Amino acid sequence: MLRCPQCGSTDLYTMIGGYGGFRYRCKQCGYIGSFVLESDEELPSPVTRPKESEEKKIAVPLWLKIVVALLVLYMLLYLLILIP
């Protein structure tokens, strides 16, 4: 069984063959090349990658949230003391 080295798909077809060797093209990701993965056993299904259009969420560490909250609280208290 042949698999694409980029996406792991089995939807490959031969573009060129003969003296120069085989070149394959993947129907899923568009990979073109002579290097493919070959195995006799059934491999797990390929991992799907997130699309580029999906927004990537940035994880803010808890310690940073606490520091920002304390800074805002300090600024509010400082303003309350200066105003009267």
PDB file of N, CA and C in Angstrom:
ATOM      1  N   MET A   1       0.853  -1.172   0.000  1.00  0.00           N
ATOM      2  CA  MET A   1       0.000   0.000   0.000  1.00  0.00           C
ATOM      3  C   MET A   1       0.902   1.239   0.000  1.00  0.00           C
ATOM      4  N   LEU A   2       0.616   2.156  -0.881  1.00  0.00           N
ATOM      5  CA  LEU A   2       1.389   3.392  -0.979  1.00  0.00           C
ATOM      6  C   LEU A   2       0.672   4.514  -0.240  1.00  0.00           C
ATOM      7  N   ARG A   3       1.452   5.336   0.446  1.00  0.00           N
ATOM      8  CA  ARG A   3       0.913   6.489   1.178  1.00  0.00           C
ATOM      9  C   ARG A   3       1.712   7.736   0.845  1.00  0.00           C
ATOM     10  N   CYS A   4       1.029   8.873   0.878  1.00  0.00           N
ATOM     11  CA  CYS A   4       1.664  10.164   0.647  1.00  0.00           C
ATOM     12  C   CYS A   4       2.527  10.519   1.862  1.00  0.00           C
ATOM     13  N   PRO A   5       3.762  10.998   1.652  1.00  0.00           N
ATOM     14  CA  PRO A   5       4.609  11.355   2.793  1.00  0.00           C
ATOM     15  C   PRO A   5       4.186  12.642   3.490  1.00  0.00           C
ATOM     16  N   GLN A   6       3.386  13.476   2.836  1.00  0.00           N
ATOM     17  CA  GLN A   6       2.964  14.731   3.455  1.00  0.00           C
ATOM     18  C   GLN A   6       1.696  14.586   4.273  1.00  0.00           C
ATOM     19  N   CYS A   7       0.654  13.979   3.690  1.00  0.00           N
ATOM     20  CA  CYS A   7      -0.629  13.923   4.400  1.00  0.00           C
ATOM     21  C   CYS A   7      -1.007  12.514   4.828  1.00  0.00           C
ATOM     22  N   GLY A   8      -0.329  11.481   4.337  1.00  0.00           N
ATOM     23  CA  GLY A   8      -0.624  10.109   4.720  1.00  0.00           C
ATOM     24  C   GLY A   8      -1.765   9.476   3.954  1.00  0.00           C
ATOM     25  N   SER A   9      -2.268  10.149   2.946  1.00  0.00           N
ATOM     26  CA  SER A   9      -3.392   9.637   2.174  1.00  0.00           C
ATOM     27  C   SER A   9      -2.951   8.480   1.274  1.00  0.00           C
ATOM     28  N   THR A  10      -3.909   7.610   0.940  1.00  0.00           N
ATOM     29  CA  THR A  10      -3.634   6.516   0.010  1.00  0.00           C
ATOM     30  C   THR A  10      -4.130   6.839  -1.391  1.00  0.00           C
ATOM     31  N   ASP A  11      -4.645   8.035  -1.609  1.00  0.00           N
ATOM     32  CA  ASP A  11      -5.137   8.450  -2.928  1.00  0.00           C
ATOM     33  C   ASP A  11      -3.987   8.959  -3.787  1.00  0.00           C
ATOM     34  N   LEU A  12      -3.128   8.034  -4.233  1.00  0.00           N
ATOM     35  CA  LEU A  12      -1.992   8.378  -5.075  1.00  0.00           C
ATOM     36  C   LEU A  12      -2.192   7.779  -6.455  1.00  0.00           C
ATOM     37  N   TYR A  13      -1.692   8.464  -7.472  1.00  0.00           N
ATOM     38  CA  TYR A  13      -1.676   7.857  -8.799  1.00  0.00           C
ATOM     39  C   TYR A  13      -0.341   8.162  -9.457  1.00  0.00           C
ATOM     40  N   THR A  14       0.044   7.298 -10.391  1.00  0.00           N
ATOM     41  CA  THR A  14       1.329   7.406 -11.067  1.00  0.00           C
ATOM     42  C   THR A  14       1.226   8.426 -12.193  1.00  0.00           C
ATOM     43  N   MET A  15       2.135   9.391 -12.187  1.00  0.00           N
ATOM     44  CA  MET A  15       2.167  10.387 -13.254  1.00  0.00           C
ATOM     45  C   MET A  15       3.122   9.951 -14.366  1.00  0.00           C
ATOM     46  N   ILE A  16       4.336   9.561 -13.988  1.00  0.00           N
ATOM     47  CA  ILE A  16       5.376   9.204 -14.948  1.00  0.00           C
ATOM     48  C   ILE A  16       6.007   7.899 -14.483  1.00  0.00           C
ATOM     49  N   GLY A  17       6.343   7.037 -15.404  1.00  0.00           N
ATOM     50  CA  GLY A  17       7.027   5.795 -15.057  1.00  0.00           C
ATOM     51  C   GLY A  17       7.953   5.404 -16.197  1.00  0.00           C
ATOM     52  N   GLY A  18       8.793   4.446 -15.932  1.00  0.00           N
ATOM     53  CA  GLY A  18       9.693   3.978 -16.975  1.00  0.00           C
ATOM     54  C   GLY A  18      11.130   4.077 -16.550  1.00  0.00           C
ATOM     55  N   TYR A  19      11.993   4.491 -17.484  1.00  0.00           N
ATOM     56  CA  TYR A  19      13.431   4.555 -17.202  1.00  0.00           C
ATOM     57  C   TYR A  19      13.775   5.558 -16.092  1.00  0.00           C
ATOM     58  N   GLY A  20      13.074   6.637 -16.048  1.00  0.00           N
ATOM     59  CA  GLY A  20      13.360   7.669 -15.052  1.00  0.00           C
ATOM     60  C   GLY A  20      12.801   7.366 -13.676  1.00  0.00           C
ATOM     61  N   GLY A  21      12.037   6.316 -13.541  1.00  0.00           N
ATOM     62  CA  GLY A  21      11.414   5.992 -12.258  1.00  0.00           C
ATOM     63  C   GLY A  21       9.986   6.503 -12.214  1.00  0.00           C
ATOM     64  N   PHE A  22       9.337   6.228 -11.126  1.00  0.00           N
ATOM     65  CA  PHE A  22       7.939   6.621 -10.973  1.00  0.00           C
ATOM     66  C   PHE A  22       7.835   7.956 -10.252  1.00  0.00           C
ATOM     67  N   ARG A  23       6.864   8.746 -10.680  1.00  0.00           N
ATOM     68  CA  ARG A  23       6.506   9.976  -9.970  1.00  0.00           C
ATOM     69  C   ARG A  23       5.037   9.856  -9.638  1.00  0.00           C
ATOM     70  N   TYR A  24       4.725  10.186  -8.401  1.00  0.00           N
ATOM     71  CA  TYR A  24       3.360  10.045  -7.917  1.00  0.00           C
ATOM     72  C   TYR A  24       2.772  11.412  -7.608  1.00  0.00           C
ATOM     73  N   ARG A  25       1.439  11.461  -7.663  1.00  0.00           N
ATOM     74  CA  ARG A  25       0.725  12.684  -7.294  1.00  0.00           C
ATOM     75  C   ARG A  25      -0.381  12.298  -6.325  1.00  0.00           C
ATOM     76  N   CYS A  26      -0.481  13.060  -5.231  1.00  0.00           N
ATOM     77  CA  CYS A  26      -1.508  12.818  -4.220  1.00  0.00           C
ATOM     78  C   CYS A  26      -2.762  13.625  -4.571  1.00  0.00           C
ATOM     79  N   LYS A  27      -3.906  12.976  -4.547  1.00  0.00           N
ATOM     80  CA  LYS A  27      -5.162  13.660  -4.856  1.00  0.00           C
ATOM     81  C   LYS A  27      -5.625  14.548  -3.710  1.00  0.00           C
ATOM     82  N   GLN A  28      -5.198  14.243  -2.493  1.00  0.00           N
ATOM     83  CA  GLN A  28      -5.649  15.005  -1.324  1.00  0.00           C
ATOM     84  C   GLN A  28      -4.907  16.332  -1.172  1.00  0.00           C
ATOM     85  N   CYS A  29      -3.547  16.274  -1.128  1.00  0.00           N
ATOM     86  CA  CYS A  29      -2.780  17.489  -0.833  1.00  0.00           C
ATOM     87  C   CYS A  29      -2.024  18.044  -2.040  1.00  0.00           C
ATOM     88  N   GLY A  30      -1.971  17.292  -3.138  1.00  0.00           N
ATOM     89  CA  GLY A  30      -1.295  17.785  -4.324  1.00  0.00           C
ATOM     90  C   GLY A  30       0.196  17.495  -4.376  1.00  0.00           C
ATOM     91  N   TYR A  31       0.699  16.677  -3.462  1.00  0.00           N
ATOM     92  CA  TYR A  31       2.129  16.325  -3.439  1.00  0.00           C
ATOM     93  C   TYR A  31       2.510  15.653  -4.751  1.00  0.00           C
ATOM     94  N   ILE A  32       3.652  16.047  -5.301  1.00  0.00           N
ATOM     95  CA  ILE A  32       4.201  15.409  -6.497  1.00  0.00           C
ATOM     96  C   ILE A  32       5.637  15.033  -6.185  1.00  0.00           C
ATOM     97  N   GLY A  33       5.973  13.761  -6.356  1.00  0.00           N
ATOM     98  CA  GLY A  33       7.338  13.327  -6.100  1.00  0.00           C
ATOM     99  C   GLY A  33       7.488  11.836  -6.252  1.00  0.00           C
ATOM    100  N   SER A  34       8.735  11.402  -6.201  1.00  0.00           N
ATOM    101  CA  SER A  34       9.010   9.976  -6.344  1.00  0.00           C
ATOM    102  C   SER A  34       9.077   9.273  -4.992  1.00  0.00           C
ATOM    103  N   PHE A  35       9.163  10.022  -3.899  1.00  0.00           N
ATOM    104  CA  PHE A  35       9.225   9.423  -2.570  1.00  0.00           C
ATOM    105  C   PHE A  35       7.820   9.214  -2.032  1.00  0.00           C
ATOM    106  N   VAL A  36       7.474   7.965  -1.751  1.00  0.00           N
ATOM    107  CA  VAL A  36       6.203   7.626  -1.124  1.00  0.00           C
ATOM    108  C   VAL A  36       6.471   6.583  -0.048  1.00  0.00           C
ATOM    109  N   LEU A  37       5.543   6.441   0.875  1.00  0.00           N
ATOM    110  CA  LEU A  37       5.648   5.449   1.936  1.00  0.00           C
ATOM    111  C   LEU A  37       4.967   4.169   1.463  1.00  0.00           C
ATOM    112  N   GLU A  38       5.648   3.052   1.646  1.00  0.00           N
ATOM    113  CA  GLU A  38       5.100   1.770   1.214  1.00  0.00           C
ATOM    114  C   GLU A  38       5.135   0.794   2.385  1.00  0.00           C
ATOM    115  N   SER A  39       4.015   0.091   2.605  1.00  0.00           N
ATOM    116  CA  SER A  39       3.968  -0.894   3.685  1.00  0.00           C
ATOM    117  C   SER A  39       2.989  -1.999   3.318  1.00  0.00           C
ATOM    118  N   ASP A  40       3.202  -3.153   3.915  1.00  0.00           N
ATOM    119  CA  ASP A  40       2.312  -4.286   3.683  1.00  0.00           C
ATOM    120  C   ASP A  40       1.129  -4.286   4.637  1.00  0.00           C
ATOM    121  N   GLU A  41       1.283  -3.635   5.764  1.00  0.00           N
ATOM    122  CA  GLU A  41       0.227  -3.634   6.771  1.00  0.00           C
ATOM    123  C   GLU A  41      -0.631  -2.384   6.665  1.00  0.00           C
ATOM    124  N   GLU A  42      -1.820  -2.480   7.198  1.00  0.00           N
ATOM    125  CA  GLU A  42      -2.750  -1.356   7.204  1.00  0.00           C
ATOM    126  C   GLU A  42      -2.312  -0.343   8.264  1.00  0.00           C
ATOM    127  N   LEU A  43      -2.094   0.874   7.860  1.00  0.00           N
ATOM    128  CA  LEU A  43      -1.675   1.930   8.776  1.00  0.00           C
ATOM    129  C   LEU A  43      -2.898   2.692   9.261  1.00  0.00           C
ATOM    130  N   PRO A  44      -2.799   3.363  10.410  1.00  0.00           N
ATOM    131  CA  PRO A  44      -3.934   4.169  10.873  1.00  0.00           C
ATOM    132  C   PRO A  44      -4.236   5.291   9.893  1.00  0.00           C
ATOM    133  N   SER A  45      -5.449   5.770   9.935  1.00  0.00           N
ATOM    134  CA  SER A  45      -5.852   6.834   9.019  1.00  0.00           C
ATOM    135  C   SER A  45      -5.021   8.088   9.263  1.00  0.00           C
ATOM    136  N   PRO A  46      -4.798   8.889   8.220  1.00  0.00           N
ATOM    137  CA  PRO A  46      -3.968  10.083   8.371  1.00  0.00           C
ATOM    138  C   PRO A  46      -4.606  11.102   9.289  1.00  0.00           C
ATOM    139  N   VAL A  47      -3.767  11.870   9.950  1.00  0.00           N
ATOM    140  CA  VAL A  47      -4.223  12.918  10.851  1.00  0.00           C
ATOM    141  C   VAL A  47      -4.624  14.121  10.016  1.00  0.00           C
ATOM    142  N   THR A  48      -5.794  14.656  10.287  1.00  0.00           N
ATOM    143  CA  THR A  48      -6.235  15.833   9.547  1.00  0.00           C
ATOM    144  C   THR A  48      -5.636  17.077  10.177  1.00  0.00           C
ATOM    145  N   ARG A  49      -5.119  17.925   9.343  1.00  0.00           N
ATOM    146  CA  ARG A  49      -4.533  19.176   9.811  1.00  0.00           C
ATOM    147  C   ARG A  49      -5.581  20.271   9.791  1.00  0.00           C
ATOM    148  N   PRO A  50      -5.508  21.220  10.728  1.00  0.00           N
ATOM    149  CA  PRO A  50      -6.484  22.321  10.705  1.00  0.00           C
ATOM    150  C   PRO A  50      -6.257  23.203   9.480  1.00  0.00           C
ATOM    151  N   LYS A  51      -7.329  23.727   8.970  1.00  0.00           N
ATOM    152  CA  LYS A  51      -7.228  24.610   7.812  1.00  0.00           C
ATOM    153  C   LYS A  51      -6.576  25.923   8.208  1.00  0.00           C
ATOM    154  N   GLU A  52      -5.929  26.558   7.217  1.00  0.00           N
ATOM    155  CA  GLU A  52      -5.231  27.813   7.495  1.00  0.00           C
ATOM    156  C   GLU A  52      -6.203  28.935   7.833  1.00  0.00           C
ATOM    157  N   SER A  53      -7.442  28.827   7.355  1.00  0.00           N
ATOM    158  CA  SER A  53      -8.404  29.905   7.593  1.00  0.00           C
ATOM    159  C   SER A  53      -8.928  29.913   9.031  1.00  0.00           C
ATOM    160  N   GLU A  54      -8.795  28.784   9.733  1.00  0.00           N
ATOM    161  CA  GLU A  54      -9.255  28.736  11.114  1.00  0.00           C
ATOM    162  C   GLU A  54      -8.345  29.584  11.996  1.00  0.00           C
ATOM    163  N   GLU A  55      -8.965  30.308  12.918  1.00  0.00           N
ATOM    164  CA  GLU A  55      -8.183  31.152  13.816  1.00  0.00           C
ATOM    165  C   GLU A  55      -7.475  30.289  14.848  1.00  0.00           C
ATOM    166  N   LYS A  56      -6.252  30.653  15.127  1.00  0.00           N
ATOM    167  CA  LYS A  56      -5.496  29.942  16.154  1.00  0.00           C
ATOM    168  C   LYS A  56      -5.706  30.670  17.474  1.00  0.00           C
ATOM    169  N   LYS A  57      -6.090  29.914  18.484  1.00  0.00           N
ATOM    170  CA  LYS A  57      -6.322  30.502  19.793  1.00  0.00           C
ATOM    171  C   LYS A  57      -4.998  30.564  20.545  1.00  0.00           C
ATOM    172  N   ILE A  58      -4.764  31.691  21.184  1.00  0.00           N
ATOM    173  CA  ILE A  58      -3.544  31.882  21.963  1.00  0.00           C
ATOM    174  C   ILE A  58      -3.892  31.654  23.423  1.00  0.00           C
ATOM    175  N   ALA A  59      -3.188  30.747  24.052  1.00  0.00           N
ATOM    176  CA  ALA A  59      -3.425  30.451  25.464  1.00  0.00           C
ATOM    177  C   ALA A  59      -2.619  31.440  26.310  1.00  0.00           C
ATOM    178  N   VAL A  60      -3.331  32.171  27.160  1.00  0.00           N
ATOM    179  CA  VAL A  60      -2.680  33.121  28.061  1.00  0.00           C
ATOM    180  C   VAL A  60      -2.444  32.419  29.391  1.00  0.00           C
ATOM    181  N   PRO A  61      -1.214  32.410  29.861  1.00  0.00           N
ATOM    182  CA  PRO A  61      -0.936  31.731  31.133  1.00  0.00           C
ATOM    183  C   PRO A  61      -1.679  32.384  32.300  1.00  0.00           C
ATOM    184  N   LEU A  62      -2.003  31.563  33.297  1.00  0.00           N
ATOM    185  CA  LEU A  62      -2.749  32.043  34.459  1.00  0.00           C
ATOM    186  C   LEU A  62      -1.971  33.101  35.220  1.00  0.00           C
ATOM    187  N   TRP A  63      -0.652  32.944  35.346  1.00  0.00           N
ATOM    188  CA  TRP A  63       0.142  33.907  36.099  1.00  0.00           C
ATOM    189  C   TRP A  63       0.089  35.287  35.436  1.00  0.00           C
ATOM    190  N   LEU A  64       0.012  35.315  34.107  1.00  0.00           N
ATOM    191  CA  LEU A  64      -0.063  36.596  33.401  1.00  0.00           C
ATOM    192  C   LEU A  64      -1.412  37.265  33.639  1.00  0.00           C
ATOM    193  N   LYS A  65      -2.472  36.474  33.683  1.00  0.00           N
ATOM    194  CA  LYS A  65      -3.791  37.026  33.976  1.00  0.00           C
ATOM    195  C   LYS A  65      -3.831  37.628  35.372  1.00  0.00           C
ATOM    196  N   ILE A  66      -3.210  36.943  36.347  1.00  0.00           N
ATOM    197  CA  ILE A  66      -3.180  37.436  37.727  1.00  0.00           C
ATOM    198  C   ILE A  66      -2.385  38.728  37.822  1.00  0.00           C
ATOM    199  N   VAL A  67      -1.243  38.799  37.141  1.00  0.00           N
ATOM    200  CA  VAL A  67      -0.417  40.015  37.168  1.00  0.00           C
ATOM    201  C   VAL A  67      -1.170  41.189  36.567  1.00  0.00           C
ATOM    202  N   VAL A  68      -1.866  40.977  35.470  1.00  0.00           N
ATOM    203  CA  VAL A  68      -2.628  42.060  34.832  1.00  0.00           C
ATOM    204  C   VAL A  68      -3.772  42.499  35.741  1.00  0.00           C
ATOM    205  N   ALA A  69      -4.470  41.547  36.370  1.00  0.00           N
ATOM    206  CA  ALA A  69      -5.564  41.896  37.271  1.00  0.00           C
ATOM    207  C   ALA A  69      -5.051  42.709  38.456  1.00  0.00           C
ATOM    208  N   LEU A  70      -3.911  42.317  39.043  1.00  0.00           N
ATOM    209  CA  LEU A  70      -3.335  43.079  40.158  1.00  0.00           C
ATOM    210  C   LEU A  70      -2.892  44.465  39.715  1.00  0.00           C
ATOM    211  N   LEU A  71      -2.359  44.580  38.532  1.00  0.00           N
ATOM    212  CA  LEU A  71      -1.933  45.883  38.014  1.00  0.00           C
ATOM    213  C   LEU A  71      -3.133  46.812  37.816  1.00  0.00           C
ATOM    214  N   VAL A  72      -4.208  46.284  37.274  1.00  0.00           N
ATOM    215  CA  VAL A  72      -5.421  47.090  37.082  1.00  0.00           C
ATOM    216  C   VAL A  72      -5.993  47.503  38.432  1.00  0.00           C
ATOM    217  N   LEU A  73      -6.022  46.587  39.392  1.00  0.00           N
ATOM    218  CA  LEU A  73      -6.513  46.902  40.725  1.00  0.00           C
ATOM    219  C   LEU A  73      -5.654  47.982  41.387  1.00  0.00           C
ATOM    220  N   TYR A  74      -4.337  47.875  41.243  1.00  0.00           N
ATOM    221  CA  TYR A  74      -3.420  48.873  41.798  1.00  0.00           C
ATOM    222  C   TYR A  74      -3.673  50.243  41.175  1.00  0.00           C
ATOM    223  N   MET A  75      -3.873  50.291  39.863  1.00  0.00           N
ATOM    224  CA  MET A  75      -4.111  51.571  39.187  1.00  0.00           C
ATOM    225  C   MET A  75      -5.432  52.187  39.635  1.00  0.00           C
ATOM    226  N   LEU A  76      -6.470  51.356  39.808  1.00  0.00           N
ATOM    227  CA  LEU A  76      -7.758  51.874  40.275  1.00  0.00           C
ATOM    228  C   LEU A  76      -7.651  52.429  41.688  1.00  0.00           C
ATOM    229  N   LEU A  77      -6.975  51.730  42.573  1.00  0.00           N
ATOM    230  CA  LEU A  77      -6.790  52.222  43.941  1.00  0.00           C
ATOM    231  C   LEU A  77      -5.956  53.497  43.961  1.00  0.00           C
ATOM    232  N   TYR A  78      -4.941  53.570  43.130  1.00  0.00           N
ATOM    233  CA  TYR A  78      -4.097  54.752  43.050  1.00  0.00           C
ATOM    234  C   TYR A  78      -4.908  55.957  42.571  1.00  0.00           C
ATOM    235  N   LEU A  79      -5.775  55.752  41.594  1.00  0.00           N
ATOM    236  CA  LEU A  79      -6.621  56.843  41.099  1.00  0.00           C
ATOM    237  C   LEU A  79      -7.643  57.276  42.149  1.00  0.00           C
ATOM    238  N   LEU A  80      -8.187  56.344  42.899  1.00  0.00           N
ATOM    239  CA  LEU A  80      -9.168  56.688  43.932  1.00  0.00           C
ATOM    240  C   LEU A  80      -8.520  57.495  45.057  1.00  0.00           C
ATOM    241  N   ILE A  81      -7.271  57.237  45.360  1.00  0.00           N
ATOM    242  CA  ILE A  81      -6.569  57.972  46.424  1.00  0.00           C
ATOM    243  C   ILE A  81      -6.219  59.379  45.952  1.00  0.00           C
ATOM    244  N   LEU A  82      -5.864  59.563  44.703  1.00  0.00           N
ATOM    245  CA  LEU A  82      -5.456  60.867  44.188  1.00  0.00           C
ATOM    246  C   LEU A  82      -6.646  61.786  43.915  1.00  0.00           C
ATOM    247  N   ILE A  83      -7.801  61.254  43.582  1.00  0.00           N
ATOM    248  CA  ILE A  83      -8.943  62.099  43.203  1.00  0.00           C
ATOM    249  C   ILE A  83      -9.499  62.886  44.380  1.00  0.00           C
ATOM    250  N   PRO A  84      -9.719  62.370  45.577  1.00  0.00           N
ATOM    251  CA  PRO A  84     -10.341  63.167  46.650  1.00  0.00           C
ATOM    252  C   PRO A  84      -9.426  64.208  47.149  1.00  0.00           C
TER     253      PRO A  84
END
